[in-house]
């Protein structure tokens, strides 16, 4: 039986902090708005429009700022690395014949740029989804596990009724993730393959 593992993208599979920080600083200068890229990089997770509004960007400018950000974004993709352990985590699922699903608050076409840049084989990508809104795709794709770094990811997993695995590589610590519904806490994705083996047993020898 095919099984599916879902992952968040920013700060779960990729470390987008440097690139996002740079793009936001460019945006701030172009629109003469006092938002700081470093502040955005420290709390990645929610959709860009939400973060801009919370940072004090004028409401009437937010749509134009989002559009311009998406124009700038392709220039930073090559500077954004995979998180430690991401490759091994994806490989551990493939070794067991599993499917990989990415469900992210990032705009879908921008998320696809990262997947293409890193050469990852992803079975299904769903973008522009945040917190509990991730549940619908997790259910539709029959995910059994969802891995994320943010309390919003844990809420999405809980709403979908799937195992919520939190990694402390983003803005939320273990206590915050656990309070939001995490069933499992990992320091980062380097621990994922061993956790999967502990849960499911060793990979069967195909020979």
Protein backbone atom coordinates (compact mmCIF):
# COMPACT_ATOMS: atom_id res chain seq x y z
CA UNK A 1 0.00 0.00 0.00
CA UNK A 2 1.37 3.42 -0.97
CA UNK A 3 1.87 5.78 1.93
CA UNK A 4 2.52 9.50 1.91
CA UNK A 5 4.58 11.84 4.06
CA UNK A 6 3.95 15.59 3.88
CA UNK A 7 6.50 18.30 4.57
CA UNK A 8 6.36 22.03 5.04
CA UNK A 9 8.96 23.89 2.94
CA UNK A 10 10.44 27.03 4.56
CA UNK A 11 12.66 26.18 7.53
CA UNK A 12 11.64 22.52 7.31
CA UNK A 13 13.13 21.45 3.97
CA UNK A 14 14.93 24.68 2.98
CA UNK A 15 16.70 27.45 4.88
CA UNK A 16 15.17 30.45 3.17
CA UNK A 17 16.22 33.05 5.74
CA UNK A 18 19.12 34.73 3.88
CA UNK A 19 17.30 35.02 0.58
CA UNK A 20 14.00 36.16 2.07
CA UNK A 21 15.79 38.74 4.19
CA UNK A 22 17.53 40.18 1.15
CA UNK A 23 14.35 40.26 -0.95
CA UNK A 24 12.37 42.00 1.81
CA UNK A 25 15.09 44.63 2.24
CA UNK A 26 14.95 45.36 -1.50
CA UNK A 27 11.17 45.56 -1.29
CA UNK A 28 11.33 47.92 1.69
CA UNK A 29 13.68 50.27 -0.16
CA UNK A 30 11.60 50.28 -3.34
CA UNK A 31 8.34 51.01 -1.52
CA UNK A 32 9.90 53.20 1.19
CA UNK A 33 8.28 51.07 3.88
CA UNK A 34 10.09 50.51 7.24
CA UNK A 35 10.06 46.70 7.28
CA UNK A 36 13.24 44.69 7.93
CA UNK A 37 14.22 41.52 6.15
CA UNK A 38 15.88 40.15 9.27
CA UNK A 39 12.58 40.38 11.14
CA UNK A 40 10.79 38.42 8.43
CA UNK A 41 13.52 35.78 8.33
CA UNK A 42 13.15 35.23 12.06
CA UNK A 43 9.46 34.31 11.84
CA UNK A 44 8.94 32.56 8.54
CA UNK A 45 5.77 30.55 8.17
CA UNK A 46 2.68 32.70 7.60
CA UNK A 47 1.80 33.99 4.12
CA UNK A 48 3.73 37.05 2.93
CA UNK A 49 0.69 39.34 2.89
CA UNK A 50 -0.02 38.49 6.52
CA UNK A 51 3.58 39.11 7.55
CA UNK A 52 3.73 42.43 5.70
CA UNK A 53 0.54 43.63 7.37
CA UNK A 54 1.75 42.54 10.79
CA UNK A 55 5.05 44.37 10.19
CA UNK A 56 3.20 47.60 9.61
CA UNK A 57 3.16 47.87 5.82
CA UNK A 58 0.28 50.10 4.68
CA UNK A 59 -2.72 47.96 3.81
CA UNK A 60 -3.13 49.60 0.41
CA UNK A 61 0.47 48.74 -0.56
CA UNK A 62 0.43 45.08 0.47
CA UNK A 63 -0.94 43.65 -2.81
CA UNK A 64 1.63 45.56 -4.87
CA UNK A 65 4.41 44.55 -2.50
CA UNK A 66 3.43 40.89 -2.80
CA UNK A 67 3.46 41.16 -6.60
CA UNK A 68 6.88 42.81 -6.61
CA UNK A 69 8.27 40.27 -4.14
CA UNK A 70 7.22 37.46 -6.45
CA UNK A 71 9.01 39.21 -9.31
CA UNK A 72 12.19 39.50 -7.23
CA UNK A 73 12.07 36.03 -5.75
CA UNK A 74 13.55 33.98 -8.62
CA UNK A 75 16.82 35.91 -8.22
CA UNK A 76 17.33 34.53 -4.69
CA UNK A 77 16.40 30.89 -5.23
CA UNK A 78 19.92 29.68 -5.99
CA UNK A 79 21.18 31.17 -2.71
CA UNK A 80 18.77 29.16 -0.56
CA UNK A 81 20.13 25.78 0.61
CA UNK A 82 18.42 22.62 1.73
CA UNK A 83 18.13 22.20 5.47
CA UNK A 84 20.52 19.69 7.07
CA UNK A 85 19.09 16.23 6.66
CA UNK A 86 16.49 17.16 4.05
CA UNK A 87 17.99 15.03 1.29
CA UNK A 88 18.34 12.03 3.60
CA UNK A 89 14.78 12.43 4.88
CA UNK A 90 13.36 12.39 1.36
CA UNK A 91 15.58 9.44 0.44
CA UNK A 92 14.37 7.51 3.49
CA UNK A 93 10.79 7.83 2.29
CA UNK A 94 11.68 6.85 -1.28
CA UNK A 95 13.57 3.80 0.01
CA UNK A 96 10.31 2.58 1.53
CA UNK A 97 8.28 3.23 -1.59
CA UNK A 98 6.55 6.24 -0.07
CA UNK A 99 5.23 9.40 -1.69
CA UNK A 100 6.45 12.88 -0.76
CA UNK A 101 4.01 15.75 -0.47
CA UNK A 102 5.00 19.39 0.10
CA UNK A 103 2.33 21.65 1.60
CA UNK A 104 3.50 25.21 2.13
CA UNK A 105 2.32 28.73 2.76
CA UNK A 106 4.72 29.88 0.06
CA UNK A 107 3.27 30.82 -3.32
CA UNK A 108 3.15 27.57 -5.31
CA UNK A 109 5.22 28.66 -8.35
CA UNK A 110 7.95 30.01 -6.05
CA UNK A 111 7.99 26.77 -4.07
CA UNK A 112 8.36 24.85 -7.34
CA UNK A 113 11.47 26.90 -8.16
CA UNK A 114 13.16 25.52 -5.05
CA UNK A 115 12.21 21.96 -5.82
CA UNK A 116 13.56 22.32 -9.35
CA UNK A 117 16.74 24.04 -8.17
CA UNK A 118 17.48 21.26 -5.67
CA UNK A 119 16.53 18.50 -8.08
CA UNK A 120 14.07 16.86 -5.71
CA UNK A 121 11.47 14.34 -6.77
CA UNK A 122 8.25 15.52 -5.14
CA UNK A 123 5.04 13.66 -5.88
CA UNK A 124 2.69 16.55 -5.14
CA UNK A 125 3.15 20.23 -4.28
CA UNK A 126 0.45 22.44 -2.79
CA UNK A 127 1.25 26.10 -2.14
CA UNK A 128 -0.51 29.11 -0.65
CA UNK A 129 -1.83 27.08 2.29
CA UNK A 130 -1.33 28.04 5.91
CA UNK A 131 -2.06 26.42 9.26
CA UNK A 132 -5.31 24.41 9.40
CA UNK A 133 -5.91 25.11 5.70
CA UNK A 134 -3.19 22.55 4.99
CA UNK A 135 -5.47 19.80 6.28
CA UNK A 136 -7.58 19.49 3.14
CA UNK A 137 -4.61 18.60 0.93
CA UNK A 138 -3.15 16.27 3.57
CA UNK A 139 -6.45 14.41 3.61
CA UNK A 140 -6.92 14.43 -0.17
CA UNK A 141 -3.41 13.03 -0.67
CA UNK A 142 -3.92 10.51 2.15
CA UNK A 143 -0.87 11.60 4.09
CA UNK A 144 -0.16 9.71 7.27
CA UNK A 145 2.60 12.02 8.57
CA UNK A 146 3.17 15.77 8.28
CA UNK A 147 6.52 17.32 9.17
CA UNK A 148 6.87 21.03 9.89
CA UNK A 149 8.69 23.65 11.92
CA UNK A 150 5.82 25.97 12.84
CA UNK A 151 2.84 25.77 15.18
CA UNK A 152 0.70 26.34 12.07
CA UNK A 153 2.04 23.10 10.61
CA UNK A 154 1.11 21.22 13.75
CA UNK A 155 -2.41 22.66 13.59
CA UNK A 156 -2.69 21.58 9.98
CA UNK A 157 -1.61 18.05 10.86
CA UNK A 158 -4.01 17.90 13.79
CA UNK A 159 -6.91 19.16 11.66
CA UNK A 160 -6.13 16.45 9.10
CA UNK A 161 -5.86 13.73 11.72
CA UNK A 162 -2.31 12.77 10.73
CA UNK A 163 0.80 12.25 12.84
CA UNK A 164 2.35 15.66 13.53
CA UNK A 165 6.16 15.70 13.53
CA UNK A 166 7.72 18.97 14.63
CA UNK A 167 11.30 20.01 13.87
CA UNK A 168 12.86 22.81 15.89
CA UNK A 169 14.62 24.42 12.93
CA UNK A 170 12.22 27.34 12.54
CA UNK A 171 10.81 30.06 14.80
CA UNK A 172 8.98 27.71 17.19
CA UNK A 173 10.63 25.76 19.99
CA UNK A 174 9.76 22.27 21.17
CA UNK A 175 7.32 23.45 23.83
CA UNK A 176 5.44 25.63 21.35
CA UNK A 177 5.25 22.81 18.80
CA UNK A 178 4.08 20.34 21.43
CA UNK A 179 1.43 22.75 22.71
CA UNK A 180 0.16 23.12 19.13
CA UNK A 181 -0.28 19.36 18.79
CA UNK A 182 3.06 17.85 17.82
CA UNK A 183 3.10 14.10 18.43
CA UNK A 184 6.87 13.85 17.85
CA UNK A 185 9.64 16.44 18.22
CA UNK A 186 12.91 16.17 16.29
CA UNK A 187 15.82 18.57 16.56
CA UNK A 188 16.12 18.64 12.78
CA UNK A 189 15.67 16.39 9.75
CA UNK A 190 18.97 14.61 10.34
CA UNK A 191 17.03 12.64 12.97
CA UNK A 192 14.18 11.75 10.64
CA UNK A 193 15.56 8.58 8.95
CA UNK A 194 16.34 6.92 12.29
CA UNK A 195 12.98 7.95 13.71
CA UNK A 196 11.31 6.43 10.66
CA UNK A 197 13.24 3.21 11.14
CA UNK A 198 12.27 3.12 14.81
CA UNK A 199 8.62 3.59 13.83
CA UNK A 200 8.42 1.25 10.84
CA UNK A 201 11.35 -1.10 11.23
CA UNK A 202 14.33 -1.48 8.89
CA UNK A 203 13.90 -1.24 5.14
CA UNK A 204 13.32 -4.66 3.63
CA UNK A 205 16.27 -6.02 1.67
CA UNK A 206 15.18 -5.97 -1.98
CA UNK A 207 17.83 -8.52 -2.93
